């Protein structure tokens, strides 16, 4: 699994997940792309029993977690079964390009 990418402000160093043309903290234009270390802590976790699309259906549902990355921002990702709030995880991009959290 490869690590997810973030945007980082060249002026103030703030980092965020979703692409923007300007820094949400200081409004400086022209952020840079940076790779995360991938480590983080589970902030919230749930099981989705009804997928938004039929092709995403998984028998028994699938886990979704909000993970606070050591690099700063909080990201939403698929989660392996059995994760709990406070667990240390590694977030990486799977072959389908979606972020996934697994125990460290």
Protein backbone atom coordinates (compact mmCIF):
# COMPACT_ATOMS: atom_id res chain seq x y z
CA UNK A 1 0.00 0.00 0.00
CA UNK A 2 1.23 3.47 -0.82
CA UNK A 3 0.76 6.38 1.59
CA UNK A 4 -1.97 8.95 0.90
CA UNK A 5 -1.06 12.43 -0.34
CA UNK A 6 -1.93 15.68 1.43
CA UNK A 7 -1.61 19.31 0.50
CA UNK A 8 0.68 21.54 2.55
CA UNK A 9 0.99 25.32 2.69
CA UNK A 10 4.42 26.64 1.72
CA UNK A 11 3.87 29.72 3.93
CA UNK A 12 2.41 28.45 7.22
CA UNK A 13 2.93 24.66 7.02
CA UNK A 14 -0.77 23.80 7.54
CA UNK A 15 -1.76 20.42 6.02
CA UNK A 16 -5.13 19.23 4.73
CA UNK A 17 -6.63 16.31 2.82
CA UNK A 18 -8.95 17.68 0.13
CA UNK A 19 -7.43 19.57 -2.81
CA UNK A 20 -7.78 23.35 -2.71
CA UNK A 21 -6.19 26.20 -4.62
CA UNK A 22 -5.40 28.12 -1.41
CA UNK A 23 -4.50 27.28 2.19
CA UNK A 24 -7.61 27.14 4.43
CA UNK A 25 -5.57 28.57 7.33
CA UNK A 26 -3.80 31.58 5.75
CA UNK A 27 -5.18 31.80 2.17
CA UNK A 28 -1.74 31.52 0.54
CA UNK A 29 -2.10 30.26 -3.04
CA UNK A 30 -0.09 27.39 -4.59
CA UNK A 31 0.05 24.59 -1.99
CA UNK A 32 2.44 21.68 -2.45
CA UNK A 33 1.68 17.94 -2.49
CA UNK A 34 3.29 15.93 0.32
CA UNK A 35 3.17 12.22 1.15
CA UNK A 36 2.06 11.31 4.66
CA UNK A 37 3.90 8.92 6.91
CA UNK A 38 0.61 7.01 7.12
CA UNK A 39 0.59 6.60 10.91
CA UNK A 40 -2.36 7.78 12.95
CA UNK A 41 -4.93 7.17 15.67
CA UNK A 42 -8.56 6.10 15.20
CA UNK A 43 -10.77 9.04 16.21
CA UNK A 44 -14.11 7.43 15.27
CA UNK A 45 -15.22 4.15 13.73
CA UNK A 46 -18.49 2.65 12.50
CA UNK A 47 -19.86 -0.19 10.38
CA UNK A 48 -21.81 0.63 7.21
CA UNK A 49 -24.52 -1.97 6.65
CA UNK A 50 -26.16 -0.34 3.62
CA UNK A 51 -23.77 0.67 0.86
CA UNK A 52 -24.51 3.79 -1.21
CA UNK A 53 -24.25 1.80 -4.46
CA UNK A 54 -25.13 -1.85 -5.18
CA UNK A 55 -21.62 -2.57 -6.48
CA UNK A 56 -20.19 -1.53 -3.08
CA UNK A 57 -22.33 -3.99 -1.11
CA UNK A 58 -20.35 -6.24 1.22
CA UNK A 59 -22.10 -9.05 3.14
CA UNK A 60 -22.09 -8.04 6.81
CA UNK A 61 -21.12 -4.45 6.00
CA UNK A 62 -17.76 -2.70 6.03
CA UNK A 63 -15.89 -0.47 8.46
CA UNK A 64 -15.31 3.26 8.06
CA UNK A 65 -12.93 5.16 10.33
CA UNK A 66 -11.90 8.74 10.90
CA UNK A 67 -8.16 8.68 11.55
CA UNK A 68 -6.16 11.60 12.93
CA UNK A 69 -2.87 11.35 11.07
CA UNK A 70 0.40 12.03 12.86
CA UNK A 71 0.98 14.55 10.03
CA UNK A 72 -2.00 16.64 11.16
CA UNK A 73 -5.30 16.23 9.30
CA UNK A 74 -8.10 13.79 9.97
CA UNK A 75 -9.01 11.48 7.08
CA UNK A 76 -11.93 9.15 6.38
CA UNK A 77 -11.01 5.66 5.20
CA UNK A 78 -12.15 2.05 5.01
CA UNK A 79 -11.26 0.20 8.20
CA UNK A 80 -10.31 -3.38 8.93
CA UNK A 81 -12.69 -5.27 11.23
CA UNK A 82 -12.31 -4.85 14.96
CA UNK A 83 -10.76 -1.37 15.10
CA UNK A 84 -11.63 0.73 18.14
CA UNK A 85 -11.31 4.40 19.04
CA UNK A 86 -7.74 5.12 20.13
CA UNK A 87 -6.15 2.25 18.16
CA UNK A 88 -2.89 3.03 16.36
CA UNK A 89 -3.23 2.40 12.62
CA UNK A 90 -1.41 2.83 9.33
CA UNK A 91 -3.36 4.45 6.51
CA UNK A 92 -2.45 3.53 2.96
CA UNK A 93 -3.97 3.51 -0.51
CA UNK A 94 -5.08 0.11 -1.75
CA UNK A 95 -5.04 -1.00 -5.38
CA UNK A 96 -8.41 0.70 -5.94
CA UNK A 97 -6.98 4.06 -4.79
CA UNK A 98 -9.12 4.25 -1.65
CA UNK A 99 -7.52 4.94 1.73
CA UNK A 100 -7.66 2.02 4.17
CA UNK A 101 -6.73 1.81 7.85
CA UNK A 102 -5.07 -1.27 9.33
CA UNK A 103 -3.63 -1.89 12.79
CA UNK A 104 -0.01 -0.84 13.10
